[in-house]
Amino acid sequence: MEADNKPNSKPYSEGKHHTGKEHSWDEGFGYFGAAAHSLGLNAEDNYNIAKKKDLAVADANGDGMVDLKTEFVFGPAYYAAGADKSGKTTCMTDIMTAFIEGRKLITSAQREDLTDEQRT
């Protein structure tokens, strides 16, 4: 997220509609591994999706299939959900909310480079 690395004022690459910062942020979120509807689920449900114990709750759009890009939980999101099952932490919610808020901030810059304050 350094100022000169993948600037927000330029497309990620030629012909792309998203900026370098948008791409980097989205890539990080993808590696986190939460389902698009994870905030609407409890920790147990998110964990059970990852463990393939309850794929019905994974099927957010009700089409009878689990989309691995948008409806499955894997990677660090799985570990966050596992930690949260105790009820003592809210890692999944905290991390996913931070990703969403960060993306909103990047988008709110309207393709201008982010200020030091925004990047912080």
PDB file of N, CA and C in Angstrom:
ATOM      1  N   MET A   1       0.811  -1.202   0.000  1.00  0.00           N
ATOM      2  CA  MET A   1       0.000   0.000   0.000  1.00  0.00           C
ATOM      3  C   MET A   1       0.854   1.264   0.000  1.00  0.00           C
ATOM      4  N   GLU A   2       2.141   1.138  -0.248  1.00  0.00           N
ATOM      5  CA  GLU A   2       2.996   2.320  -0.350  1.00  0.00           C
ATOM      6  C   GLU A   2       2.485   3.227  -1.475  1.00  0.00           C
ATOM      7  N   ALA A   3       2.708   4.515  -1.329  1.00  0.00           N
ATOM      8  CA  ALA A   3       2.159   5.510  -2.272  1.00  0.00           C
ATOM      9  C   ALA A   3       2.562   5.253  -3.711  1.00  0.00           C
ATOM     10  N   ASP A   4       3.814   4.879  -3.933  1.00  0.00           N
ATOM     11  CA  ASP A   4       4.298   4.727  -5.306  1.00  0.00           C
ATOM     12  C   ASP A   4       4.124   3.322  -5.881  1.00  0.00           C
ATOM     13  N   ASN A   5       3.577   2.425  -5.112  1.00  0.00           N
ATOM     14  CA  ASN A   5       3.377   1.050  -5.561  1.00  0.00           C
ATOM     15  C   ASN A   5       1.929   0.858  -6.007  1.00  0.00           C
ATOM     16  N   LYS A   6       1.739   0.535  -7.267  1.00  0.00           N
ATOM     17  CA  LYS A   6       0.399   0.331  -7.837  1.00  0.00           C
ATOM     18  C   LYS A   6      -0.527   1.491  -7.478  1.00  0.00           C
ATOM     19  N   PRO A   7      -0.260   2.665  -8.037  1.00  0.00           N
ATOM     20  CA  PRO A   7      -1.027   3.866  -7.657  1.00  0.00           C
ATOM     21  C   PRO A   7      -2.519   3.754  -7.952  1.00  0.00           C
ATOM     22  N   ASN A   8      -3.273   4.503  -7.168  1.00  0.00           N
ATOM     23  CA  ASN A   8      -4.720   4.517  -7.314  1.00  0.00           C
ATOM     24  C   ASN A   8      -5.166   5.398  -8.474  1.00  0.00           C
ATOM     25  N   SER A   9      -4.247   6.176  -9.013  1.00  0.00           N
ATOM     26  CA  SER A   9      -4.592   7.092 -10.102  1.00  0.00           C
ATOM     27  C   SER A   9      -4.369   6.473 -11.480  1.00  0.00           C
ATOM     28  N   LYS A  10      -3.937   5.222 -11.507  1.00  0.00           N
ATOM     29  CA  LYS A  10      -3.668   4.561 -12.784  1.00  0.00           C
ATOM     30  C   LYS A  10      -4.332   3.187 -12.814  1.00  0.00           C
ATOM     31  N   PRO A  11      -4.741   2.734 -13.995  1.00  0.00           N
ATOM     32  CA  PRO A  11      -5.278   1.378 -14.104  1.00  0.00           C
ATOM     33  C   PRO A  11      -4.235   0.355 -13.654  1.00  0.00           C
ATOM     34  N   TYR A  12      -4.698  -0.766 -13.163  1.00  0.00           N
ATOM     35  CA  TYR A  12      -3.792  -1.824 -12.727  1.00  0.00           C
ATOM     36  C   TYR A  12      -2.839  -2.217 -13.856  1.00  0.00           C
ATOM     37  N   SER A  13      -3.383  -2.353 -15.034  1.00  0.00           N
ATOM     38  CA  SER A  13      -2.582  -2.603 -16.231  1.00  0.00           C
ATOM     39  C   SER A  13      -3.385  -2.102 -17.428  1.00  0.00           C
ATOM     40  N   GLU A  14      -2.754  -2.053 -18.563  1.00  0.00           N
ATOM     41  CA  GLU A  14      -3.398  -1.509 -19.752  1.00  0.00           C
ATOM     42  C   GLU A  14      -4.724  -2.206 -20.033  1.00  0.00           C
ATOM     43  N   GLY A  15      -5.752  -1.397 -20.218  1.00  0.00           N
ATOM     44  CA  GLY A  15      -7.067  -1.917 -20.543  1.00  0.00           C
ATOM     45  C   GLY A  15      -7.910  -2.340 -19.346  1.00  0.00           C
ATOM     46  N   LYS A  16      -7.361  -2.283 -18.151  1.00  0.00           N
ATOM     47  CA  LYS A  16      -8.115  -2.681 -16.950  1.00  0.00           C
ATOM     48  C   LYS A  16      -8.936  -1.500 -16.438  1.00  0.00           C
ATOM     49  N   HIS A  17     -10.106  -1.787 -15.892  1.00  0.00           N
ATOM     50  CA  HIS A  17     -10.970  -0.723 -15.378  1.00  0.00           C
ATOM     51  C   HIS A  17     -10.709  -0.417 -13.908  1.00  0.00           C
ATOM     52  N   HIS A  18      -9.962  -1.263 -13.218  1.00  0.00           N
ATOM     53  CA  HIS A  18      -9.687  -1.025 -11.797  1.00  0.00           C
ATOM     54  C   HIS A  18      -8.259  -0.528 -11.603  1.00  0.00           C
ATOM     55  N   THR A  19      -8.052   0.226 -10.528  1.00  0.00           N
ATOM     56  CA  THR A  19      -6.747   0.821 -10.263  1.00  0.00           C
ATOM     57  C   THR A  19      -5.808  -0.198  -9.612  1.00  0.00           C
ATOM     58  N   GLY A  20      -4.552   0.192  -9.524  1.00  0.00           N
ATOM     59  CA  GLY A  20      -3.570  -0.672  -8.876  1.00  0.00           C
ATOM     60  C   GLY A  20      -3.902  -0.939  -7.425  1.00  0.00           C
ATOM     61  N   LYS A  21      -4.308   0.103  -6.703  1.00  0.00           N
ATOM     62  CA  LYS A  21      -4.662  -0.074  -5.287  1.00  0.00           C
ATOM     63  C   LYS A  21      -5.914  -0.939  -5.150  1.00  0.00           C
ATOM     64  N   GLU A  22      -6.896  -0.727  -6.004  1.00  0.00           N
ATOM     65  CA  GLU A  22      -8.108  -1.561  -5.962  1.00  0.00           C
ATOM     66  C   GLU A  22      -7.737  -3.019  -6.185  1.00  0.00           C
ATOM     67  N   HIS A  23      -6.888  -3.261  -7.167  1.00  0.00           N
ATOM     68  CA  HIS A  23      -6.477  -4.634  -7.463  1.00  0.00           C
ATOM     69  C   HIS A  23      -5.760  -5.258  -6.270  1.00  0.00           C
ATOM     70  N   SER A  24      -4.809  -4.545  -5.699  1.00  0.00           N
ATOM     71  CA  SER A  24      -4.050  -5.077  -4.566  1.00  0.00           C
ATOM     72  C   SER A  24      -4.967  -5.390  -3.392  1.00  0.00           C
ATOM     73  N   TRP A  25      -5.888  -4.485  -3.104  1.00  0.00           N
ATOM     74  CA  TRP A  25      -6.812  -4.684  -1.981  1.00  0.00           C
ATOM     75  C   TRP A  25      -7.713  -5.898  -2.235  1.00  0.00           C
ATOM     76  N   ASP A  26      -8.251  -5.973  -3.443  1.00  0.00           N
ATOM     77  CA  ASP A  26      -9.136  -7.088  -3.794  1.00  0.00           C
ATOM     78  C   ASP A  26      -8.394  -8.423  -3.750  1.00  0.00           C
ATOM     79  N   GLU A  27      -7.145  -8.402  -4.174  1.00  0.00           N
ATOM     80  CA  GLU A  27      -6.338  -9.622  -4.136  1.00  0.00           C
ATOM     81  C   GLU A  27      -6.130 -10.078  -2.693  1.00  0.00           C
ATOM     82  N   GLY A  28      -5.835  -9.133  -1.809  1.00  0.00           N
ATOM     83  CA  GLY A  28      -5.686  -9.462  -0.390  1.00  0.00           C
ATOM     84  C   GLY A  28      -6.963 -10.045   0.181  1.00  0.00           C
ATOM     85  N   PHE A  29      -8.088  -9.457  -0.172  1.00  0.00           N
ATOM     86  CA  PHE A  29      -9.374  -9.982   0.303  1.00  0.00           C
ATOM     87  C   PHE A  29      -9.606 -11.395  -0.231  1.00  0.00           C
ATOM     88  N   GLY A  30      -9.265 -11.609  -1.474  1.00  0.00           N
ATOM     89  CA  GLY A  30      -9.431 -12.944  -2.048  1.00  0.00           C
ATOM     90  C   GLY A  30      -8.604 -13.975  -1.305  1.00  0.00           C
ATOM     91  N   TYR A  31      -7.389 -13.613  -0.944  1.00  0.00           N
ATOM     92  CA  TYR A  31      -6.540 -14.539  -0.184  1.00  0.00           C
ATOM     93  C   TYR A  31      -7.059 -14.761   1.233  1.00  0.00           C
ATOM     94  N   PHE A  32      -7.796 -13.791   1.783  1.00  0.00           N
ATOM     95  CA  PHE A  32      -8.393 -13.979   3.111  1.00  0.00           C
ATOM     96  C   PHE A  32      -9.343 -15.170   3.072  1.00  0.00           C
ATOM     97  N   GLY A  33     -10.161 -15.269   2.046  1.00  0.00           N
ATOM     98  CA  GLY A  33     -10.951 -16.466   1.815  1.00  0.00           C
ATOM     99  C   GLY A  33     -12.347 -16.507   2.401  1.00  0.00           C
ATOM    100  N   ALA A  34     -12.915 -15.368   2.702  1.00  0.00           N
ATOM    101  CA  ALA A  34     -14.283 -15.351   3.229  1.00  0.00           C
ATOM    102  C   ALA A  34     -15.293 -15.455   2.092  1.00  0.00           C
ATOM    103  N   ALA A  35     -16.425 -16.035   2.381  1.00  0.00           N
ATOM    104  CA  ALA A  35     -17.531 -16.033   1.419  1.00  0.00           C
ATOM    105  C   ALA A  35     -18.119 -14.628   1.375  1.00  0.00           C
ATOM    106  N   ALA A  36     -18.711 -14.267   0.268  1.00  0.00           N
ATOM    107  CA  ALA A  36     -19.291 -12.929   0.134  1.00  0.00           C
ATOM    108  C   ALA A  36     -20.351 -12.665   1.201  1.00  0.00           C
ATOM    109  N   HIS A  37     -21.017 -13.699   1.666  1.00  0.00           N
ATOM    110  CA  HIS A  37     -22.082 -13.538   2.659  1.00  0.00           C
ATOM    111  C   HIS A  37     -21.629 -13.918   4.075  1.00  0.00           C
ATOM    112  N   SER A  38     -20.339 -13.990   4.311  1.00  0.00           N
ATOM    113  CA  SER A  38     -19.824 -14.411   5.617  1.00  0.00           C
ATOM    114  C   SER A  38     -20.289 -13.538   6.774  1.00  0.00           C
ATOM    115  N   LEU A  39     -20.444 -12.234   6.553  1.00  0.00           N
ATOM    116  CA  LEU A  39     -20.899 -11.366   7.646  1.00  0.00           C
ATOM    117  C   LEU A  39     -22.322 -11.683   8.072  1.00  0.00           C
ATOM    118  N   GLY A  40     -23.094 -12.304   7.206  1.00  0.00           N
ATOM    119  CA  GLY A  40     -24.462 -12.681   7.542  1.00  0.00           C
ATOM    120  C   GLY A  40     -24.557 -14.043   8.217  1.00  0.00           C
ATOM    121  N   LEU A  41     -23.430 -14.667   8.431  1.00  0.00           N
ATOM    122  CA  LEU A  41     -23.380 -15.989   9.057  1.00  0.00           C
ATOM    123  C   LEU A  41     -22.702 -15.896  10.412  1.00  0.00           C
ATOM    124  N   ASN A  42     -22.944 -16.866  11.256  1.00  0.00           N
ATOM    125  CA  ASN A  42     -22.217 -16.898  12.524  1.00  0.00           C
ATOM    126  C   ASN A  42     -20.911 -17.672  12.343  1.00  0.00           C
ATOM    127  N   ALA A  43     -20.080 -17.647  13.355  1.00  0.00           N
ATOM    128  CA  ALA A  43     -18.768 -18.284  13.275  1.00  0.00           C
ATOM    129  C   ALA A  43     -18.881 -19.772  12.986  1.00  0.00           C
ATOM    130  N   GLU A  44     -19.829 -20.422  13.621  1.00  0.00           N
ATOM    131  CA  GLU A  44     -20.018 -21.862  13.429  1.00  0.00           C
ATOM    132  C   GLU A  44     -20.363 -22.177  11.974  1.00  0.00           C
ATOM    133  N   ASP A  45     -21.258 -21.383  11.382  1.00  0.00           N
ATOM    134  CA  ASP A  45     -21.628 -21.600   9.982  1.00  0.00           C
ATOM    135  C   ASP A  45     -20.426 -21.408   9.056  1.00  0.00           C
ATOM    136  N   ASN A  46     -19.675 -20.328   9.255  1.00  0.00           N
ATOM    137  CA  ASN A  46     -18.491 -20.091   8.426  1.00  0.00           C
ATOM    138  C   ASN A  46     -17.495 -21.239   8.560  1.00  0.00           C
ATOM    139  N   TYR A  47     -17.278 -21.690   9.772  1.00  0.00           N
ATOM    140  CA  TYR A  47     -16.358 -22.802  10.020  1.00  0.00           C
ATOM    141  C   TYR A  47     -16.863 -24.079   9.339  1.00  0.00           C
ATOM    142  N   ASN A  48     -18.153 -24.336   9.478  1.00  0.00           N
ATOM    143  CA  ASN A  48     -18.726 -25.558   8.901  1.00  0.00           C
ATOM    144  C   ASN A  48     -18.702 -25.558   7.371  1.00  0.00           C
ATOM    145  N   ILE A  49     -18.775 -24.389   6.771  1.00  0.00           N
ATOM    146  CA  ILE A  49     -18.628 -24.313   5.312  1.00  0.00           C
ATOM    147  C   ILE A  49     -17.220 -24.777   4.934  1.00  0.00           C
ATOM    148  N   ALA A  50     -16.243 -24.231   5.625  1.00  0.00           N
ATOM    149  CA  ALA A  50     -14.848 -24.582   5.318  1.00  0.00           C
ATOM    150  C   ALA A  50     -14.580 -26.064   5.515  1.00  0.00           C
ATOM    151  N   LYS A  51     -15.187 -26.643   6.538  1.00  0.00           N
ATOM    152  CA  LYS A  51     -14.991 -28.061   6.843  1.00  0.00           C
ATOM    153  C   LYS A  51     -15.922 -28.960   6.026  1.00  0.00           C
ATOM    154  N   LYS A  52     -16.742 -28.325   5.158  1.00  0.00           N
ATOM    155  CA  LYS A  52     -17.718 -29.042   4.320  1.00  0.00           C
ATOM    156  C   LYS A  52     -18.726 -29.826   5.155  1.00  0.00           C
ATOM    157  N   LYS A  53     -19.027 -29.314   6.333  1.00  0.00           N
ATOM    158  CA  LYS A  53     -20.015 -29.948   7.210  1.00  0.00           C
ATOM    159  C   LYS A  53     -21.427 -29.455   6.919  1.00  0.00           C
ATOM    160  N   ASP A  54     -21.549 -28.251   6.363  1.00  0.00           N
ATOM    161  CA  ASP A  54     -22.863 -27.686   6.066  1.00  0.00           C
ATOM    162  C   ASP A  54     -22.772 -26.826   4.817  1.00  0.00           C
ATOM    163  N   LEU A  55     -22.878 -27.456   3.665  1.00  0.00           N
ATOM    164  CA  LEU A  55     -22.782 -26.717   2.420  1.00  0.00           C
ATOM    165  C   LEU A  55     -24.108 -26.070   2.023  1.00  0.00           C
ATOM    166  N   ALA A  56     -25.199 -26.453   2.687  1.00  0.00           N
ATOM    167  CA  ALA A  56     -26.479 -25.807   2.394  1.00  0.00           C
ATOM    168  C   ALA A  56     -26.421 -24.330   2.773  1.00  0.00           C
ATOM    169  N   VAL A  57     -25.794 -24.023   3.911  1.00  0.00           N
ATOM    170  CA  VAL A  57     -25.674 -22.631   4.340  1.00  0.00           C
ATOM    171  C   VAL A  57     -24.702 -21.866   3.441  1.00  0.00           C
ATOM    172  N   ALA A  58     -23.826 -22.567   2.763  1.00  0.00           N
ATOM    173  CA  ALA A  58     -22.887 -21.931   1.843  1.00  0.00           C
ATOM    174  C   ALA A  58     -23.584 -21.429   0.589  1.00  0.00           C
ATOM    175  N   ASP A  59     -24.630 -22.109   0.166  1.00  0.00           N
ATOM    176  CA  ASP A  59     -25.327 -21.795  -1.087  1.00  0.00           C
ATOM    177  C   ASP A  59     -26.209 -20.554  -0.921  1.00  0.00           C
ATOM    178  N   ALA A  60     -25.576 -19.389  -0.914  1.00  0.00           N
ATOM    179  CA  ALA A  60     -26.276 -18.130  -0.639  1.00  0.00           C
ATOM    180  C   ALA A  60     -27.340 -17.790  -1.673  1.00  0.00           C
ATOM    181  N   ASN A  61     -27.103 -18.135  -2.921  1.00  0.00           N
ATOM    182  CA  ASN A  61     -28.077 -17.785  -3.959  1.00  0.00           C
ATOM    183  C   ASN A  61     -29.094 -18.894  -4.225  1.00  0.00           C
ATOM    184  N   GLY A  62     -28.981 -20.003  -3.521  1.00  0.00           N
ATOM    185  CA  GLY A  62     -29.973 -21.065  -3.620  1.00  0.00           C
ATOM    186  C   GLY A  62     -30.021 -21.791  -4.946  1.00  0.00           C
ATOM    187  N   ASP A  63     -28.915 -21.817  -5.681  1.00  0.00           N
ATOM    188  CA  ASP A  63     -28.924 -22.490  -6.984  1.00  0.00           C
ATOM    189  C   ASP A  63     -28.533 -23.966  -6.900  1.00  0.00           C
ATOM    190  N   GLY A  64     -28.345 -24.465  -5.691  1.00  0.00           N
ATOM    191  CA  GLY A  64     -28.011 -25.870  -5.524  1.00  0.00           C
ATOM    192  C   GLY A  64     -26.538 -26.191  -5.685  1.00  0.00           C
ATOM    193  N   MET A  65     -25.719 -25.157  -5.889  1.00  0.00           N
ATOM    194  CA  MET A  65     -24.270 -25.350  -6.038  1.00  0.00           C
ATOM    195  C   MET A  65     -23.546 -24.342  -5.150  1.00  0.00           C
ATOM    196  N   VAL A  66     -22.320 -24.672  -4.773  1.00  0.00           N
ATOM    197  CA  VAL A  66     -21.497 -23.757  -3.991  1.00  0.00           C
ATOM    198  C   VAL A  66     -20.427 -23.176  -4.903  1.00  0.00           C
ATOM    199  N   ASP A  67     -20.500 -21.872  -5.109  1.00  0.00           N
ATOM    200  CA  ASP A  67     -19.518 -21.164  -5.931  1.00  0.00           C
ATOM    201  C   ASP A  67     -18.256 -20.968  -5.095  1.00  0.00           C
ATOM    202  N   LEU A  68     -17.155 -21.539  -5.530  1.00  0.00           N
ATOM    203  CA  LEU A  68     -15.917 -21.458  -4.757  1.00  0.00           C
ATOM    204  C   LEU A  68     -15.377 -20.031  -4.659  1.00  0.00           C
ATOM    205  N   LYS A  69     -15.741 -19.168  -5.578  1.00  0.00           N
ATOM    206  CA  LYS A  69     -15.257 -17.789  -5.542  1.00  0.00           C
ATOM    207  C   LYS A  69     -16.052 -16.910  -4.587  1.00  0.00           C
ATOM    208  N   THR A  70     -17.329 -17.193  -4.407  1.00  0.00           N
ATOM    209  CA  THR A  70     -18.178 -16.283  -3.630  1.00  0.00           C
ATOM    210  C   THR A  70     -18.900 -16.917  -2.450  1.00  0.00           C
ATOM    211  N   GLU A  71     -18.997 -18.241  -2.413  1.00  0.00           N
ATOM    212  CA  GLU A  71     -19.814 -18.875  -1.378  1.00  0.00           C
ATOM    213  C   GLU A  71     -19.044 -19.830  -0.464  1.00  0.00           C
ATOM    214  N   PHE A  72     -17.761 -19.985  -0.679  1.00  0.00           N
ATOM    215  CA  PHE A  72     -16.987 -20.931   0.131  1.00  0.00           C
ATOM    216  C   PHE A  72     -16.048 -20.168   1.064  1.00  0.00           C
ATOM    217  N   VAL A  73     -15.708 -20.775   2.171  1.00  0.00           N
ATOM    218  CA  VAL A  73     -14.790 -20.192   3.157  1.00  0.00           C
ATOM    219  C   VAL A  73     -13.526 -21.041   3.173  1.00  0.00           C
ATOM    220  N   PHE A  74     -12.373 -20.388   3.067  1.00  0.00           N
ATOM    221  CA  PHE A  74     -11.108 -21.119   3.067  1.00  0.00           C
ATOM    222  C   PHE A  74     -10.000 -20.220   3.609  1.00  0.00           C
ATOM    223  N   GLY A  75      -8.810 -20.760   3.719  1.00  0.00           N
ATOM    224  CA  GLY A  75      -7.629 -19.989   4.117  1.00  0.00           C
ATOM    225  C   GLY A  75      -7.772 -19.326   5.471  1.00  0.00           C
ATOM    226  N   PRO A  76      -7.232 -18.107   5.600  1.00  0.00           N
ATOM    227  CA  PRO A  76      -7.272 -17.405   6.883  1.00  0.00           C
ATOM    228  C   PRO A  76      -8.695 -17.168   7.414  1.00  0.00           C
ATOM    229  N   ALA A  77      -9.682 -17.026   6.542  1.00  0.00           N
ATOM    230  CA  ALA A  77     -11.060 -16.842   7.010  1.00  0.00           C
ATOM    231  C   ALA A  77     -11.526 -18.067   7.790  1.00  0.00           C
ATOM    232  N   TYR A  78     -11.120 -19.227   7.350  1.00  0.00           N
ATOM    233  CA  TYR A  78     -11.444 -20.467   8.054  1.00  0.00           C
ATOM    234  C   TYR A  78     -10.857 -20.440   9.469  1.00  0.00           C
ATOM    235  N   TYR A  79      -9.592 -20.017   9.577  1.00  0.00           N
ATOM    236  CA  TYR A  79      -8.959 -19.948  10.892  1.00  0.00           C
ATOM    237  C   TYR A  79      -9.623 -18.897  11.776  1.00  0.00           C
ATOM    238  N   ALA A  80     -10.003 -17.759  11.192  1.00  0.00           N
ATOM    239  CA  ALA A  80     -10.688 -16.718  11.955  1.00  0.00           C
ATOM    240  C   ALA A  80     -12.024 -17.234  12.481  1.00  0.00           C
ATOM    241  N   ALA A  81     -12.776 -17.924  11.628  1.00  0.00           N
ATOM    242  CA  ALA A  81     -14.057 -18.490  12.055  1.00  0.00           C
ATOM    243  C   ALA A  81     -13.845 -19.535  13.147  1.00  0.00           C
ATOM    244  N   GLY A  82     -12.809 -20.335  13.011  1.00  0.00           N
ATOM    245  CA  GLY A  82     -12.504 -21.339  14.028  1.00  0.00           C
ATOM    246  C   GLY A  82     -12.207 -20.704  15.372  1.00  0.00           C
ATOM    247  N   ALA A  83     -11.457 -19.612  15.366  1.00  0.00           N
ATOM    248  CA  ALA A  83     -11.156 -18.907  16.615  1.00  0.00           C
ATOM    249  C   ALA A  83     -12.426 -18.309  17.211  1.00  0.00           C
ATOM    250  N   ASP A  84     -13.297 -17.813  16.367  1.00  0.00           N
ATOM    251  CA  ASP A  84     -14.504 -17.137  16.835  1.00  0.00           C
ATOM    252  C   ASP A  84     -15.568 -18.078  17.386  1.00  0.00           C
ATOM    253  N   LYS A  85     -15.458 -19.353  17.079  1.00  0.00           N
ATOM    254  CA  LYS A  85     -16.459 -20.307  17.579  1.00  0.00           C
ATOM    255  C   LYS A  85     -16.537 -20.298  19.097  1.00  0.00           C
ATOM    256  N   SER A  86     -15.472 -19.915  19.762  1.00  0.00           N
ATOM    257  CA  SER A  86     -15.447 -19.876  21.230  1.00  0.00           C
ATOM    258  C   SER A  86     -16.350 -18.782  21.778  1.00  0.00           C
ATOM    259  N   GLY A  87     -16.682 -17.807  20.939  1.00  0.00           N
ATOM    260  CA  GLY A  87     -17.482 -16.678  21.390  1.00  0.00           C
ATOM    261  C   GLY A  87     -16.656 -15.603  22.080  1.00  0.00           C
ATOM    262  N   LYS A  88     -15.358 -15.816  22.171  1.00  0.00           N
ATOM    263  CA  LYS A  88     -14.477 -14.865  22.856  1.00  0.00           C
ATOM    264  C   LYS A  88     -13.824 -13.869  21.901  1.00  0.00           C
ATOM    265  N   THR A  89     -13.884 -14.137  20.610  1.00  0.00           N
ATOM    266  CA  THR A  89     -13.279 -13.258  19.614  1.00  0.00           C
ATOM    267  C   THR A  89     -14.259 -12.989  18.485  1.00  0.00           C
ATOM    268  N   THR A  90     -13.947 -11.970  17.711  1.00  0.00           N
ATOM    269  CA  THR A  90     -14.755 -11.628  16.527  1.00  0.00           C
ATOM    270  C   THR A  90     -13.823 -11.387  15.340  1.00  0.00           C
ATOM    271  N   CYS A  91     -12.845 -12.240  15.194  1.00  0.00           N
ATOM    272  CA  CYS A  91     -11.823 -12.067  14.151  1.00  0.00           C
ATOM    273  C   CYS A  91     -12.423 -11.992  12.751  1.00  0.00           C
ATOM    274  N   MET A  92     -13.303 -12.917  12.403  1.00  0.00           N
ATOM    275  CA  MET A  92     -13.883 -12.956  11.058  1.00  0.00           C
ATOM    276  C   MET A  92     -14.606 -11.647  10.757  1.00  0.00           C
ATOM    277  N   THR A  93     -15.460 -11.218  11.654  1.00  0.00           N
ATOM    278  CA  THR A  93     -16.209  -9.978  11.458  1.00  0.00           C
ATOM    279  C   THR A  93     -15.274  -8.781  11.396  1.00  0.00           C
ATOM    280  N   ASP A  94     -14.317  -8.726  12.295  1.00  0.00           N
ATOM    281  CA  ASP A  94     -13.391  -7.592  12.332  1.00  0.00           C
ATOM    282  C   ASP A  94     -12.570  -7.494  11.047  1.00  0.00           C
ATOM    283  N   ILE A  95     -12.032  -8.614  10.601  1.00  0.00           N
ATOM    284  CA  ILE A  95     -11.189  -8.606   9.404  1.00  0.00           C
ATOM    285  C   ILE A  95     -12.023  -8.304   8.159  1.00  0.00           C
ATOM    286  N   MET A  96     -13.155  -8.959   8.031  1.00  0.00           N
ATOM    287  CA  MET A  96     -13.982  -8.738   6.837  1.00  0.00           C
ATOM    288  C   MET A  96     -14.498  -7.301   6.793  1.00  0.00           C
ATOM    289  N   THR A  97     -14.897  -6.765   7.931  1.00  0.00           N
ATOM    290  CA  THR A  97     -15.358  -5.382   7.992  1.00  0.00           C
ATOM    291  C   THR A  97     -14.225  -4.427   7.610  1.00  0.00           C
ATOM    292  N   ALA A  98     -13.017  -4.711   8.068  1.00  0.00           N
ATOM    293  CA  ALA A  98     -11.865  -3.871   7.711  1.00  0.00           C
ATOM    294  C   ALA A  98     -11.608  -3.913   6.207  1.00  0.00           C
ATOM    295  N   PHE A  99     -11.730  -5.087   5.597  1.00  0.00           N
ATOM    296  CA  PHE A  99     -11.557  -5.170   4.147  1.00  0.00           C
ATOM    297  C   PHE A  99     -12.615  -4.340   3.422  1.00  0.00           C
ATOM    298  N   ILE A 100     -13.851  -4.431   3.855  1.00  0.00           N
ATOM    299  CA  ILE A 100     -14.939  -3.690   3.207  1.00  0.00           C
ATOM    300  C   ILE A 100     -14.738  -2.186   3.380  1.00  0.00           C
ATOM    301  N   GLU A 101     -14.412  -1.761   4.583  1.00  0.00           N
ATOM    302  CA  GLU A 101     -14.213  -0.336   4.841  1.00  0.00           C
ATOM    303  C   GLU A 101     -12.992   0.199   4.081  1.00  0.00           C
ATOM    304  N   GLY A 102     -11.936  -0.593   4.014  1.00  0.00           N
ATOM    305  CA  GLY A 102     -10.752  -0.195   3.266  1.00  0.00           C
ATOM    306  C   GLY A 102     -11.050  -0.028   1.791  1.00  0.00           C
ATOM    307  N   ARG A 103     -11.839  -0.951   1.253  1.00  0.00           N
ATOM    308  CA  ARG A 103     -12.201  -0.868  -0.177  1.00  0.00           C
ATOM    309  C   ARG A 103     -13.049   0.365  -0.443  1.00  0.00           C
ATOM    310  N   LYS A 104     -13.958   0.675   0.479  1.00  0.00           N
ATOM    311  CA  LYS A 104     -14.775   1.881   0.339  1.00  0.00           C
ATOM    312  C   LYS A 104     -13.891   3.127   0.328  1.00  0.00           C
ATOM    313  N   LEU A 105     -12.887   3.144   1.184  1.00  0.00           N
ATOM    314  CA  LEU A 105     -11.981   4.282   1.245  1.00  0.00           C
ATOM    315  C   LEU A 105     -11.209   4.439  -0.064  1.00  0.00           C
ATOM    316  N   ILE A 106     -10.691   3.338  -0.583  1.00  0.00           N
ATOM    317  CA  ILE A 106      -9.951   3.388  -1.845  1.00  0.00           C
ATOM    318  C   ILE A 106     -10.849   3.901  -2.968  1.00  0.00           C
ATOM    319  N   THR A 107     -12.064   3.398  -3.034  1.00  0.00           N
ATOM    320  CA  THR A 107     -13.008   3.818  -4.067  1.00  0.00           C
ATOM    321  C   THR A 107     -13.401   5.287  -3.899  1.00  0.00           C
ATOM    322  N   SER A 108     -13.527   5.737  -2.648  1.00  0.00           N
ATOM    323  CA  SER A 108     -13.942   7.125  -2.393  1.00  0.00           C
ATOM    324  C   SER A 108     -12.910   8.132  -2.885  1.00  0.00           C
ATOM    325  N   ALA A 109     -11.677   7.697  -3.105  1.00  0.00           N
ATOM    326  CA  ALA A 109     -10.639   8.590  -3.624  1.00  0.00           C
ATOM    327  C   ALA A 109     -10.867   8.916  -5.098  1.00  0.00           C
ATOM    328  N   GLN A 110     -11.805   8.247  -5.717  1.00  0.00           N
ATOM    329  CA  GLN A 110     -12.214   8.500  -7.102  1.00  0.00           C
ATOM    330  C   GLN A 110     -11.026   8.550  -8.062  1.00  0.00           C
ATOM    331  N   ARG A 111     -10.231   7.491  -7.995  1.00  0.00           N
ATOM    332  CA  ARG A 111      -9.098   7.289  -8.902  1.00  0.00           C
ATOM    333  C   ARG A 111      -7.993   8.339  -8.750  1.00  0.00           C
ATOM    334  N   GLU A 112      -7.954   8.974  -7.601  1.00  0.00           N
ATOM    335  CA  GLU A 112      -6.853   9.867  -7.260  1.00  0.00           C
ATOM    336  C   GLU A 112      -5.913   9.085  -6.349  1.00  0.00           C
ATOM    337  N   ASP A 113      -4.650   9.471  -6.328  1.00  0.00           N
ATOM    338  CA  ASP A 113      -3.722   8.814  -5.408  1.00  0.00           C
ATOM    339  C   ASP A 113      -4.191   9.017  -3.974  1.00  0.00           C
ATOM    340  N   LEU A 114      -3.990   8.006  -3.164  1.00  0.00           N
ATOM    341  CA  LEU A 114      -4.390   8.089  -1.765  1.00  0.00           C
ATOM    342  C   LEU A 114      -3.416   8.976  -0.995  1.00  0.00           C
ATOM    343  N   THR A 115      -3.946   9.740  -0.059  1.00  0.00           N
ATOM    344  CA  THR A 115      -3.099  10.569   0.796  1.00  0.00           C
ATOM    345  C   THR A 115      -2.421   9.661   1.837  1.00  0.00           C
ATOM    346  N   ASP A 116      -1.416  10.201   2.503  1.00  0.00           N
ATOM    347  CA  ASP A 116      -0.772   9.443   3.580  1.00  0.00           C
ATOM    348  C   ASP A 116      -1.784   9.067   4.651  1.00  0.00           C
ATOM    349  N   GLU A 117      -2.680   9.996   4.965  1.00  0.00           N
ATOM    350  CA  GLU A 117      -3.706   9.748   5.982  1.00  0.00           C
ATOM    351  C   GLU A 117      -4.643   8.604   5.542  1.00  0.00           C
ATOM    352  N   GLN A 118      -5.064   8.605   4.294  1.00  0.00           N
ATOM    353  CA  GLN A 118      -5.931   7.535   3.797  1.00  0.00           C
ATOM    354  C   GLN A 118      -5.221   6.195   3.843  1.00  0.00           C
ATOM    355  N   ARG A 119      -3.967   6.172   3.453  1.00  0.00           N
ATOM    356  CA  ARG A 119      -3.228   4.909   3.456  1.00  0.00           C
ATOM    357  C   ARG A 119      -3.020   4.398   4.884  1.00  0.00           C
ATOM    358  N   THR A 120      -2.866   5.300   5.821  1.00  0.00           N
ATOM    359  CA  THR A 120      -2.727   4.894   7.221  1.00  0.00           C
ATOM    360  C   THR A 120      -4.025   4.291   7.710  1.00  0.00           C
TER     361      THR A 120
END
